[in-house]
PDB file of all heavy atoms in Angstrom:
ATOM      1  N   GLY A   1     -16.768  53.644 -42.829  1.00  0.00           N
ATOM      2  CA  GLY A   1     -18.166  53.554 -42.969  1.00  0.00           C
ATOM      3  C   GLY A   1     -18.839  53.740 -41.636  1.00  0.00           C
ATOM      4  O   GLY A   1     -18.230  53.968 -40.632  1.00  0.00           O
ATOM      5  N   PRO A   2     -20.229  53.884 -41.615  1.00  0.00           N
ATOM      6  CA  PRO A   2     -20.937  54.212 -40.406  1.00  0.00           C
ATOM      7  C   PRO A   2     -21.075  52.951 -39.505  1.00  0.00           C
ATOM      8  O   PRO A   2     -22.300  52.524 -39.181  1.00  0.00           O
ATOM      9  CB  PRO A   2     -22.334  54.672 -40.947  1.00  0.00           C
ATOM     10  CG  PRO A   2     -22.478  53.910 -42.226  1.00  0.00           C
ATOM     11  CD  PRO A   2     -21.151  53.698 -42.846  1.00  0.00           C
ATOM     12  N   HIS A   3     -20.059  52.379 -39.154  1.00  0.00           N
ATOM     13  CA  HIS A   3     -20.024  51.122 -38.325  1.00  0.00           C
ATOM     14  C   HIS A   3     -20.049  51.492 -36.854  1.00  0.00           C
ATOM     15  O   HIS A   3     -19.509  52.475 -36.443  1.00  0.00           O
ATOM     16  CB  HIS A   3     -18.829  50.248 -38.646  1.00  0.00           C
ATOM     17  CG  HIS A   3     -18.641  49.852 -40.104  1.00  0.00           C
ATOM     18  ND1 HIS A   3     -19.610  49.259 -40.899  1.00  0.00           N
ATOM     19  CD2 HIS A   3     -17.612  50.184 -40.946  1.00  0.00           C
ATOM     20  CE1 HIS A   3     -19.132  49.149 -42.138  1.00  0.00           C
ATOM     21  NE2 HIS A   3     -17.933  49.699 -42.178  1.00  0.00           N
ATOM     22  N   ASP A   4     -20.645  50.595 -36.033  1.00  0.00           N
ATOM     23  CA  ASP A   4     -20.573  50.821 -34.565  1.00  0.00           C
ATOM     24  C   ASP A   4     -19.165  50.189 -34.075  1.00  0.00           C
ATOM     25  O   ASP A   4     -18.386  49.679 -34.913  1.00  0.00           O
ATOM     26  CB  ASP A   4     -21.669  50.087 -33.892  1.00  0.00           C
ATOM     27  CG  ASP A   4     -21.691  48.613 -34.077  1.00  0.00           C
ATOM     28  OD1 ASP A   4     -20.748  48.023 -34.515  1.00  0.00           O
ATOM     29  OD2 ASP A   4     -22.835  48.019 -33.874  1.00  0.00           O
ATOM     30  N   ARG A   5     -18.916  50.379 -32.800  1.00  0.00           N
ATOM     31  CA  ARG A   5     -17.735  50.087 -32.175  1.00  0.00           C
ATOM     32  C   ARG A   5     -17.287  48.599 -32.434  1.00  0.00           C
ATOM     33  O   ARG A   5     -16.163  48.307 -32.879  1.00  0.00           O
ATOM     34  CB  ARG A   5     -17.724  50.388 -30.710  1.00  0.00           C
ATOM     35  CG  ARG A   5     -16.472  49.897 -29.957  1.00  0.00           C
ATOM     36  CD  ARG A   5     -16.533  50.379 -28.465  1.00  0.00           C
ATOM     37  NE  ARG A   5     -15.388  49.983 -27.735  1.00  0.00           N
ATOM     38  CZ  ARG A   5     -15.179  48.860 -27.194  1.00  0.00           C
ATOM     39  NH1 ARG A   5     -16.165  47.932 -27.261  1.00  0.00           N
ATOM     40  NH2 ARG A   5     -14.116  48.594 -26.540  1.00  0.00           N
ATOM     41  N   GLN A   6     -18.225  47.708 -32.170  1.00  0.00           N
ATOM     42  CA  GLN A   6     -17.835  46.230 -32.323  1.00  0.00           C
ATOM     43  C   GLN A   6     -17.614  45.872 -33.722  1.00  0.00           C
ATOM     44  O   GLN A   6     -16.651  45.081 -34.026  1.00  0.00           O
ATOM     45  CB  GLN A   6     -18.998  45.367 -31.804  1.00  0.00           C
ATOM     46  CG  GLN A   6     -19.228  45.564 -30.228  1.00  0.00           C
ATOM     47  CD  GLN A   6     -18.112  45.183 -29.459  1.00  0.00           C
ATOM     48  OE1 GLN A   6     -17.264  44.252 -29.798  1.00  0.00           O
ATOM     49  NE2 GLN A   6     -17.815  45.936 -28.335  1.00  0.00           N
ATOM     50  N   ARG A   7     -18.344  46.487 -34.633  1.00  0.00           N
ATOM     51  CA  ARG A   7     -18.087  46.130 -36.081  1.00  0.00           C
ATOM     52  C   ARG A   7     -16.740  46.742 -36.531  1.00  0.00           C
ATOM     53  O   ARG A   7     -16.032  46.005 -37.333  1.00  0.00           O
ATOM     54  CB  ARG A   7     -19.238  46.775 -36.924  1.00  0.00           C
ATOM     55  CG  ARG A   7     -19.156  46.411 -38.417  1.00  0.00           C
ATOM     56  CD  ARG A   7     -19.108  44.999 -38.706  1.00  0.00           C
ATOM     57  NE  ARG A   7     -18.976  44.801 -40.125  1.00  0.00           N
ATOM     58  CZ  ARG A   7     -18.570  43.650 -40.671  1.00  0.00           C
ATOM     59  NH1 ARG A   7     -18.166  42.609 -39.852  1.00  0.00           N
ATOM     60  NH2 ARG A   7     -18.554  43.467 -41.939  1.00  0.00           N
ATOM     61  N   ILE A   8     -16.340  47.899 -36.072  1.00  0.00           N
ATOM     62  CA  ILE A   8     -15.065  48.462 -36.465  1.00  0.00           C
ATOM     63  C   ILE A   8     -13.981  47.637 -35.935  1.00  0.00           C
ATOM     64  O   ILE A   8     -13.076  47.348 -36.736  1.00  0.00           O
ATOM     65  CB  ILE A   8     -14.969  49.891 -35.888  1.00  0.00           C
ATOM     66  CG1 ILE A   8     -15.924  50.864 -36.555  1.00  0.00           C
ATOM     67  CG2 ILE A   8     -13.555  50.407 -36.001  1.00  0.00           C
ATOM     68  CD1 ILE A   8     -15.983  52.235 -35.962  1.00  0.00           C
ATOM     69  N   LEU A   9     -14.021  47.151 -34.725  1.00  0.00           N
ATOM     70  CA  LEU A   9     -12.939  46.337 -34.142  1.00  0.00           C
ATOM     71  C   LEU A   9     -12.828  45.008 -34.907  1.00  0.00           C
ATOM     72  O   LEU A   9     -11.762  44.446 -35.167  1.00  0.00           O
ATOM     73  CB  LEU A   9     -13.202  46.078 -32.682  1.00  0.00           C
ATOM     74  CG  LEU A   9     -13.051  47.346 -31.817  1.00  0.00           C
ATOM     75  CD1 LEU A   9     -13.487  46.998 -30.334  1.00  0.00           C
ATOM     76  CD2 LEU A   9     -11.662  47.785 -31.790  1.00  0.00           C
ATOM     77  N   ALA A  10     -14.065  44.478 -35.294  1.00  0.00           N
ATOM     78  CA  ALA A  10     -14.023  43.163 -35.980  1.00  0.00           C
ATOM     79  C   ALA A  10     -13.392  43.319 -37.416  1.00  0.00           C
ATOM     80  O   ALA A  10     -12.674  42.427 -37.863  1.00  0.00           O
ATOM     81  CB  ALA A  10     -15.438  42.609 -36.102  1.00  0.00           C
ATOM     82  N   ILE A  11     -13.758  44.377 -38.065  1.00  0.00           N
ATOM     83  CA  ILE A  11     -13.244  44.603 -39.398  1.00  0.00           C
ATOM     84  C   ILE A  11     -11.765  44.827 -39.342  1.00  0.00           C
ATOM     85  O   ILE A  11     -10.987  44.285 -40.184  1.00  0.00           O
ATOM     86  CB  ILE A  11     -13.866  45.890 -40.020  1.00  0.00           C
ATOM     87  CG1 ILE A  11     -15.307  45.577 -40.336  1.00  0.00           C
ATOM     88  CG2 ILE A  11     -13.095  46.291 -41.316  1.00  0.00           C
ATOM     89  CD1 ILE A  11     -16.097  46.764 -40.834  1.00  0.00           C
ATOM     90  N   MET A  12     -11.201  45.575 -38.364  1.00  0.00           N
ATOM     91  CA  MET A  12      -9.828  45.791 -38.301  1.00  0.00           C
ATOM     92  C   MET A  12      -9.003  44.552 -37.926  1.00  0.00           C
ATOM     93  O   MET A  12      -7.901  44.378 -38.256  1.00  0.00           O
ATOM     94  CB  MET A  12      -9.526  46.889 -37.198  1.00  0.00           C
ATOM     95  CG  MET A  12      -9.926  48.256 -37.632  1.00  0.00           C
ATOM     96  SD  MET A  12      -9.172  49.621 -36.594  1.00  0.00           S
ATOM     97  CE  MET A  12      -9.853  49.270 -35.067  1.00  0.00           C
ATOM     98  N   LYS A  13      -9.649  43.650 -37.298  1.00  0.00           N
ATOM     99  CA  LYS A  13      -9.053  42.321 -36.894  1.00  0.00           C
ATOM    100  C   LYS A  13      -8.898  41.427 -38.091  1.00  0.00           C
ATOM    101  O   LYS A  13      -8.134  40.522 -38.154  1.00  0.00           O
ATOM    102  CB  LYS A  13      -9.761  41.711 -35.740  1.00  0.00           C
ATOM    103  CG  LYS A  13      -8.995  40.531 -35.017  1.00  0.00           C
ATOM    104  CD  LYS A  13      -9.723  40.196 -33.764  1.00  0.00           C
ATOM    105  CE  LYS A  13      -8.858  39.140 -32.987  1.00  0.00           C
ATOM    106  NZ  LYS A  13      -9.596  38.736 -31.759  1.00  0.00           N
ATOM    107  N   ASP A  14      -9.782  41.586 -39.123  1.00  0.00           N
ATOM    108  CA  ASP A  14      -9.821  40.746 -40.300  1.00  0.00           C
ATOM    109  C   ASP A  14      -8.543  41.017 -41.131  1.00  0.00           C
ATOM    110  O   ASP A  14      -8.219  42.138 -41.407  1.00  0.00           O
ATOM    111  CB  ASP A  14     -11.048  41.121 -41.167  1.00  0.00           C
ATOM    112  CG  ASP A  14     -11.344  40.074 -42.197  1.00  0.00           C
ATOM    113  OD1 ASP A  14     -10.324  39.388 -42.668  1.00  0.00           O
ATOM    114  OD2 ASP A  14     -12.431  39.879 -42.639  1.00  0.00           O
ATOM    115  N   SER A  15      -7.844  40.001 -41.517  1.00  0.00           N
ATOM    116  CA  SER A  15      -6.539  40.158 -42.223  1.00  0.00           C
ATOM    117  C   SER A  15      -6.775  40.521 -43.669  1.00  0.00           C
ATOM    118  O   SER A  15      -5.857  40.930 -44.348  1.00  0.00           O
ATOM    119  CB  SER A  15      -5.770  38.904 -42.175  1.00  0.00           C
ATOM    120  OG  SER A  15      -6.590  37.764 -42.769  1.00  0.00           O
ATOM    121  N   ARG A  16      -8.000  40.431 -44.233  1.00  0.00           N
ATOM    122  CA  ARG A  16      -8.307  40.776 -45.541  1.00  0.00           C
ATOM    123  C   ARG A  16      -8.412  42.312 -45.716  1.00  0.00           C
ATOM    124  O   ARG A  16      -8.847  42.973 -44.832  1.00  0.00           O
ATOM    125  CB  ARG A  16      -9.515  40.097 -46.001  1.00  0.00           C
ATOM    126  CG  ARG A  16      -9.464  38.603 -46.109  1.00  0.00           C
ATOM    127  CD  ARG A  16     -10.772  37.940 -46.352  1.00  0.00           C
ATOM    128  NE  ARG A  16     -11.730  38.222 -45.173  1.00  0.00           N
ATOM    129  CZ  ARG A  16     -13.041  37.754 -45.151  1.00  0.00           C
ATOM    130  NH1 ARG A  16     -13.488  37.058 -46.188  1.00  0.00           N
ATOM    131  NH2 ARG A  16     -13.781  38.049 -44.102  1.00  0.00           N
ATOM    132  N   SER A  17      -8.014  42.823 -46.858  1.00  0.00           N
ATOM    133  CA  SER A  17      -8.076  44.245 -47.148  1.00  0.00           C
ATOM    134  C   SER A  17      -9.216  44.517 -48.055  1.00  0.00           C
ATOM    135  O   SER A  17      -9.371  43.868 -49.141  1.00  0.00           O
ATOM    136  CB  SER A  17      -6.752  44.739 -47.838  1.00  0.00           C
ATOM    137  OG  SER A  17      -5.656  44.584 -46.936  1.00  0.00           O
ATOM    138  N   GLY A  18     -10.062  45.560 -47.697  1.00  0.00           N
ATOM    139  CA  GLY A  18     -11.144  45.867 -48.509  1.00  0.00           C
ATOM    140  C   GLY A  18     -10.778  47.097 -49.459  1.00  0.00           C
ATOM    141  O   GLY A  18      -9.694  47.582 -49.392  1.00  0.00           O
ATOM    142  N   PRO A  19     -11.784  47.664 -50.081  1.00  0.00           N
ATOM    143  CA  PRO A  19     -11.589  48.752 -51.069  1.00  0.00           C
ATOM    144  C   PRO A  19     -11.078  49.973 -50.343  1.00  0.00           C
ATOM    145  O   PRO A  19     -10.283  50.684 -50.882  1.00  0.00           O
ATOM    146  CB  PRO A  19     -12.949  48.988 -51.725  1.00  0.00           C
ATOM    147  CG  PRO A  19     -13.933  48.325 -50.795  1.00  0.00           C
ATOM    148  CD  PRO A  19     -13.243  47.128 -50.148  1.00  0.00           C
ATOM    149  N   MET A  20     -11.587  50.264 -49.097  1.00  0.00           N
ATOM    150  CA  MET A  20     -11.172  51.507 -48.449  1.00  0.00           C
ATOM    151  C   MET A  20      -9.645  51.383 -48.038  1.00  0.00           C
ATOM    152  O   MET A  20      -8.980  52.463 -48.045  1.00  0.00           O
ATOM    153  CB  MET A  20     -12.028  51.688 -47.109  1.00  0.00           C
ATOM    154  CG  MET A  20     -13.462  51.930 -47.510  1.00  0.00           C
ATOM    155  SD  MET A  20     -13.723  53.327 -48.572  1.00  0.00           S
ATOM    156  CE  MET A  20     -13.159  54.683 -47.542  1.00  0.00           C
ATOM    157  N   ALA A  21      -9.202  50.250 -47.709  1.00  0.00           N
ATOM    158  CA  ALA A  21      -7.808  50.112 -47.416  1.00  0.00           C
ATOM    159  C   ALA A  21      -6.857  50.349 -48.675  1.00  0.00           C
ATOM    160  O   ALA A  21      -5.903  51.078 -48.563  1.00  0.00           O
ATOM    161  CB  ALA A  21      -7.482  48.668 -46.903  1.00  0.00           C
ATOM    162  N   ILE A  22      -7.342  49.859 -49.798  1.00  0.00           N
ATOM    163  CA  ILE A  22      -6.643  50.056 -51.093  1.00  0.00           C
ATOM    164  C   ILE A  22      -6.621  51.596 -51.412  1.00  0.00           C
ATOM    165  O   ILE A  22      -5.533  52.212 -51.744  1.00  0.00           O
ATOM    166  CB  ILE A  22      -7.213  49.247 -52.187  1.00  0.00           C
ATOM    167  CG1 ILE A  22      -7.061  47.807 -51.856  1.00  0.00           C
ATOM    168  CG2 ILE A  22      -6.510  49.607 -53.562  1.00  0.00           C
ATOM    169  CD1 ILE A  22      -7.770  46.847 -52.784  1.00  0.00           C
ATOM    170  N   ILE A  23      -7.779  52.207 -51.339  1.00  0.00           N
ATOM    171  CA  ILE A  23      -7.898  53.625 -51.625  1.00  0.00           C
ATOM    172  C   ILE A  23      -7.025  54.437 -50.705  1.00  0.00           C
ATOM    173  O   ILE A  23      -6.352  55.355 -51.084  1.00  0.00           O
ATOM    174  CB  ILE A  23      -9.325  54.122 -51.562  1.00  0.00           C
ATOM    175  CG1 ILE A  23     -10.174  53.434 -52.716  1.00  0.00           C
ATOM    176  CG2 ILE A  23      -9.407  55.623 -51.632  1.00  0.00           C
ATOM    177  CD1 ILE A  23     -11.645  53.628 -52.532  1.00  0.00           C
ATOM    178  N   GLY A  24      -7.048  54.089 -49.396  1.00  0.00           N
ATOM    179  CA  GLY A  24      -6.315  54.837 -48.417  1.00  0.00           C
ATOM    180  C   GLY A  24      -4.818  54.736 -48.540  1.00  0.00           C
ATOM    181  O   GLY A  24      -4.148  55.789 -48.459  1.00  0.00           O
ATOM    182  N   ILE A  25      -4.328  53.499 -48.839  1.00  0.00           N
ATOM    183  CA  ILE A  25      -2.874  53.367 -49.046  1.00  0.00           C
ATOM    184  C   ILE A  25      -2.467  54.134 -50.314  1.00  0.00           C
ATOM    185  O   ILE A  25      -1.380  54.761 -50.245  1.00  0.00           O
ATOM    186  CB  ILE A  25      -2.533  51.950 -49.189  1.00  0.00           C
ATOM    187  CG1 ILE A  25      -2.663  51.200 -47.767  1.00  0.00           C
ATOM    188  CG2 ILE A  25      -1.076  51.768 -49.674  1.00  0.00           C
ATOM    189  CD1 ILE A  25      -2.351  49.805 -47.804  1.00  0.00           C
ATOM    190  N   PHE A  26      -3.238  54.059 -51.356  1.00  0.00           N
ATOM    191  CA  PHE A  26      -2.928  54.792 -52.547  1.00  0.00           C
ATOM    192  C   PHE A  26      -2.874  56.273 -52.274  1.00  0.00           C
ATOM    193  O   PHE A  26      -1.877  56.920 -52.729  1.00  0.00           O
ATOM    194  CB  PHE A  26      -3.952  54.518 -53.697  1.00  0.00           C
ATOM    195  CG  PHE A  26      -3.788  55.400 -54.916  1.00  0.00           C
ATOM    196  CD1 PHE A  26      -2.888  54.912 -55.854  1.00  0.00           C
ATOM    197  CD2 PHE A  26      -4.473  56.532 -55.064  1.00  0.00           C
ATOM    198  CE1 PHE A  26      -2.699  55.732 -57.039  1.00  0.00           C
ATOM    199  CE2 PHE A  26      -4.326  57.305 -56.301  1.00  0.00           C
ATOM    200  CZ  PHE A  26      -3.442  56.870 -57.224  1.00  0.00           C
ATOM    201  N   CYS A  27      -3.754  56.884 -51.559  1.00  0.00           N
ATOM    202  CA  CYS A  27      -3.742  58.321 -51.277  1.00  0.00           C
ATOM    203  C   CYS A  27      -2.567  58.641 -50.363  1.00  0.00           C
ATOM    204  O   CYS A  27      -1.947  59.636 -50.571  1.00  0.00           O
ATOM    205  CB  CYS A  27      -5.054  58.701 -50.591  1.00  0.00           C
ATOM    206  SG  CYS A  27      -6.556  58.562 -51.637  1.00  0.00           S
ATOM    207  N   LEU A  28      -2.297  57.805 -49.363  1.00  0.00           N
ATOM    208  CA  LEU A  28      -1.189  57.995 -48.467  1.00  0.00           C
ATOM    209  C   LEU A  28       0.151  58.107 -49.228  1.00  0.00           C
ATOM    210  O   LEU A  28       0.929  59.055 -49.050  1.00  0.00           O
ATOM    211  CB  LEU A  28      -1.157  56.965 -47.384  1.00  0.00           C
ATOM    212  CG  LEU A  28      -0.114  57.107 -46.343  1.00  0.00           C
ATOM    213  CD1 LEU A  28      -0.545  58.077 -45.285  1.00  0.00           C
ATOM    214  CD2 LEU A  28       0.265  55.720 -45.759  1.00  0.00           C
ATOM    215  N   LEU A  29       0.456  57.098 -49.959  1.00  0.00           N
ATOM    216  CA  LEU A  29       1.639  57.049 -50.649  1.00  0.00           C
ATOM    217  C   LEU A  29       1.783  58.030 -51.698  1.00  0.00           C
ATOM    218  O   LEU A  29       2.887  58.670 -51.960  1.00  0.00           O
ATOM    219  CB  LEU A  29       1.903  55.659 -51.333  1.00  0.00           C
ATOM    220  CG  LEU A  29       1.933  54.439 -50.375  1.00  0.00           C
ATOM    221  CD1 LEU A  29       2.183  53.137 -51.039  1.00  0.00           C
ATOM    222  CD2 LEU A  29       3.094  54.671 -49.329  1.00  0.00           C
ATOM    223  N   THR A  30       0.722  58.386 -52.486  1.00  0.00           N
ATOM    224  CA  THR A  30       0.709  59.503 -53.370  1.00  0.00           C
ATOM    225  C   THR A  30       1.088  60.824 -52.712  1.00  0.00           C
ATOM    226  O   THR A  30       1.912  61.594 -53.310  1.00  0.00           O
ATOM    227  CB  THR A  30      -0.653  59.619 -54.102  1.00  0.00           C
ATOM    228  OG1 THR A  30      -0.906  58.317 -54.780  1.00  0.00           O
ATOM    229  CG2 THR A  30      -0.608  60.744 -55.177  1.00  0.00           C
ATOM    230  N   LEU A  31       0.440  61.058 -51.588  1.00  0.00           N
ATOM    231  CA  LEU A  31       0.845  62.364 -50.887  1.00  0.00           C
ATOM    232  C   LEU A  31       2.215  62.374 -50.407  1.00  0.00           C
ATOM    233  O   LEU A  31       2.933  63.384 -50.566  1.00  0.00           O
ATOM    234  CB  LEU A  31      -0.150  62.495 -49.657  1.00  0.00           C
ATOM    235  CG  LEU A  31      -1.593  62.849 -49.968  1.00  0.00           C
ATOM    236  CD1 LEU A  31      -2.420  62.673 -48.694  1.00  0.00           C
ATOM    237  CD2 LEU A  31      -1.684  64.211 -50.546  1.00  0.00           C
ATOM    238  N   LYS A  32       2.818  61.294 -49.879  1.00  0.00           N
ATOM    239  CA  LYS A  32       4.147  61.198 -49.504  1.00  0.00           C
ATOM    240  C   LYS A  32       5.116  61.573 -50.706  1.00  0.00           C
ATOM    241  O   LYS A  32       5.984  62.395 -50.527  1.00  0.00           O
ATOM    242  CB  LYS A  32       4.539  59.887 -48.912  1.00  0.00           C
ATOM    243  CG  LYS A  32       4.061  59.561 -47.548  1.00  0.00           C
ATOM    244  CD  LYS A  32       4.657  58.260 -47.005  1.00  0.00           C
ATOM    245  CE  LYS A  32       4.091  57.994 -45.574  1.00  0.00           C
ATOM    246  NZ  LYS A  32       4.790  56.790 -45.011  1.00  0.00           N
ATOM    247  N   ILE A  33       4.861  60.913 -51.836  1.00  0.00           N
ATOM    248  CA  ILE A  33       5.652  61.126 -52.989  1.00  0.00           C
ATOM    249  C   ILE A  33       5.618  62.608 -53.452  1.00  0.00           C
ATOM    250  O   ILE A  33       6.544  63.266 -53.757  1.00  0.00           O
ATOM    251  CB  ILE A  33       5.357  60.164 -54.060  1.00  0.00           C
ATOM    252  CG1 ILE A  33       5.731  58.736 -53.572  1.00  0.00           C
ATOM    253  CG2 ILE A  33       6.006  60.521 -55.435  1.00  0.00           C
ATOM    254  CD1 ILE A  33       5.214  57.660 -54.534  1.00  0.00           C
ATOM    255  N   ALA A  34       4.345  63.150 -53.428  1.00  0.00           N
ATOM    256  CA  ALA A  34       4.127  64.485 -53.946  1.00  0.00           C
ATOM    257  C   ALA A  34       4.802  65.542 -53.017  1.00  0.00           C
ATOM    258  O   ALA A  34       5.468  66.474 -53.610  1.00  0.00           O
ATOM    259  CB  ALA A  34       2.624  64.746 -54.014  1.00  0.00           C
ATOM    260  N   PHE A  35       4.636  65.317 -51.763  1.00  0.00           N
ATOM    261  CA  PHE A  35       5.310  66.336 -50.827  1.00  0.00           C
ATOM    262  C   PHE A  35       6.812  66.293 -50.931  1.00  0.00           C
ATOM    263  O   PHE A  35       7.420  67.374 -50.933  1.00  0.00           O
ATOM    264  CB  PHE A  35       4.757  66.125 -49.398  1.00  0.00           C
ATOM    265  CG  PHE A  35       3.320  66.430 -49.170  1.00  0.00           C
ATOM    266  CD1 PHE A  35       2.585  65.565 -48.410  1.00  0.00           C
ATOM    267  CD2 PHE A  35       2.766  67.548 -49.778  1.00  0.00           C
ATOM    268  CE1 PHE A  35       1.246  65.811 -48.252  1.00  0.00           C
ATOM    269  CE2 PHE A  35       1.439  67.823 -49.507  1.00  0.00           C
ATOM    270  CZ  PHE A  35       0.622  66.995 -48.781  1.00  0.00           C
ATOM    271  N   LEU A  36       7.365  65.147 -50.980  1.00  0.00           N
ATOM    272  CA  LEU A  36       8.760  65.050 -51.068  1.00  0.00           C
ATOM    273  C   LEU A  36       9.330  65.514 -52.405  1.00  0.00           C
ATOM    274  O   LEU A  36      10.340  66.148 -52.493  1.00  0.00           O
ATOM    275  CB  LEU A  36       9.245  63.511 -50.805  1.00  0.00           C
ATOM    276  CG  LEU A  36       9.139  63.044 -49.436  1.00  0.00           C
ATOM    277  CD1 LEU A  36       9.236  61.481 -49.380  1.00  0.00           C
ATOM    278  CD2 LEU A  36      10.241  63.670 -48.537  1.00  0.00           C
ATOM    279  N   SER A  37       8.593  65.217 -53.534  1.00  0.00           N
ATOM    280  CA  SER A  37       8.985  65.802 -54.753  1.00  0.00           C
ATOM    281  C   SER A  37       8.943  67.273 -54.853  1.00  0.00           C
ATOM    282  O   SER A  37       9.586  67.818 -55.760  1.00  0.00           O
ATOM    283  CB  SER A  37       8.135  65.090 -55.846  1.00  0.00           C
ATOM    284  OG  SER A  37       8.263  63.635 -55.888  1.00  0.00           O
ATOM    285  N   ASN A  38       8.136  67.801 -54.051  1.00  0.00           N
ATOM    286  CA  ASN A  38       7.962  69.310 -54.024  1.00  0.00           C
ATOM    287  C   ASN A  38       9.229  69.996 -53.372  1.00  0.00           C
ATOM    288  O   ASN A  38       9.278  71.225 -53.399  1.00  0.00           O
ATOM    289  CB  ASN A  38       6.663  69.724 -53.376  1.00  0.00           C
ATOM    290  CG  ASN A  38       6.284  71.153 -53.597  1.00  0.00           C
ATOM    291  OD1 ASN A  38       6.377  71.601 -54.731  1.00  0.00           O
ATOM    292  ND2 ASN A  38       5.941  71.877 -52.457  1.00  0.00           N
ATOM    293  N   MET A  39      10.113  69.203 -52.719  1.00  0.00           N
ATOM    294  CA  MET A  39      11.159  69.821 -51.977  1.00  0.00           C
ATOM    295  C   MET A  39      12.472  69.596 -52.837  1.00  0.00           C
ATOM    296  O   MET A  39      12.598  68.801 -53.619  1.00  0.00           O
ATOM    297  CB  MET A  39      11.354  69.024 -50.650  1.00  0.00           C
ATOM    298  CG  MET A  39      10.186  69.056 -49.693  1.00  0.00           C
ATOM    299  SD  MET A  39      10.504  68.175 -48.166  1.00  0.00           S
ATOM    300  CE  MET A  39       8.923  67.816 -47.582  1.00  0.00           C
ATOM    301  N   GLU A  40      13.430  70.449 -52.455  1.00  0.00           N
ATOM    302  CA  GLU A  40      14.793  70.286 -53.035  1.00  0.00           C
ATOM    303  C   GLU A  40      15.313  68.940 -52.423  1.00  0.00           C
ATOM    304  O   GLU A  40      14.998  68.547 -51.268  1.00  0.00           O
ATOM    305  CB  GLU A  40      15.750  71.435 -52.625  1.00  0.00           C
ATOM    306  CG  GLU A  40      15.338  72.744 -53.264  1.00  0.00           C
ATOM    307  CD  GLU A  40      15.564  72.696 -54.750  1.00  0.00           C
ATOM    308  OE1 GLU A  40      16.499  72.005 -55.212  1.00  0.00           O
ATOM    309  OE2 GLU A  40      14.776  73.327 -55.527  1.00  0.00           O
ATOM    310  N   PRO A  41      16.155  68.221 -53.179  1.00  0.00           N
ATOM    311  CA  PRO A  41      16.670  66.927 -52.681  1.00  0.00           C
ATOM    312  C   PRO A  41      17.304  66.963 -51.270  1.00  0.00           C
ATOM    313  O   PRO A  41      17.055  66.054 -50.524  1.00  0.00           O
ATOM    314  CB  PRO A  41      17.657  66.497 -53.773  1.00  0.00           C
ATOM    315  CG  PRO A  41      17.126  67.127 -54.977  1.00  0.00           C
ATOM    316  CD  PRO A  41      16.591  68.489 -54.528  1.00  0.00           C
ATOM    317  N   SER A  42      18.078  68.034 -51.057  1.00  0.00           N
ATOM    318  CA  SER A  42      18.751  68.139 -49.709  1.00  0.00           C
ATOM    319  C   SER A  42      17.763  68.312 -48.611  1.00  0.00           C
ATOM    320  O   SER A  42      17.910  67.693 -47.485  1.00  0.00           O
ATOM    321  CB  SER A  42      19.689  69.315 -49.767  1.00  0.00           C
ATOM    322  OG  SER A  42      19.041  70.474 -50.011  1.00  0.00           O
ATOM    323  N   ARG A  43      16.653  69.032 -48.868  1.00  0.00           N
ATOM    324  CA  ARG A  43      15.645  69.164 -47.873  1.00  0.00           C
ATOM    325  C   ARG A  43      14.781  67.901 -47.757  1.00  0.00           C
ATOM    326  O   ARG A  43      14.369  67.549 -46.574  1.00  0.00           O
ATOM    327  CB  ARG A  43      14.747  70.322 -48.286  1.00  0.00           C
ATOM    328  CG  ARG A  43      13.611  70.698 -47.187  1.00  0.00           C
ATOM    329  CD  ARG A  43      12.910  72.014 -47.609  1.00  0.00           C
ATOM    330  NE  ARG A  43      11.915  72.374 -46.624  1.00  0.00           N
ATOM    331  CZ  ARG A  43      12.092  72.927 -45.498  1.00  0.00           C
ATOM    332  NH1 ARG A  43      13.356  73.253 -45.114  1.00  0.00           N
ATOM    333  NH2 ARG A  43      11.130  73.222 -44.648  1.00  0.00           N
TER     334      ARG A  43
END
């Protein structure tokens, strides 16, 4: 989001996960699985 420096640091220090974290992890893991599935098992 369009947060300033102090707000970004405060949000990252918060142990709770927001919607952007959930979306980000979903996209990250989906990409890992997709790229690996696109390779031969040995590769």
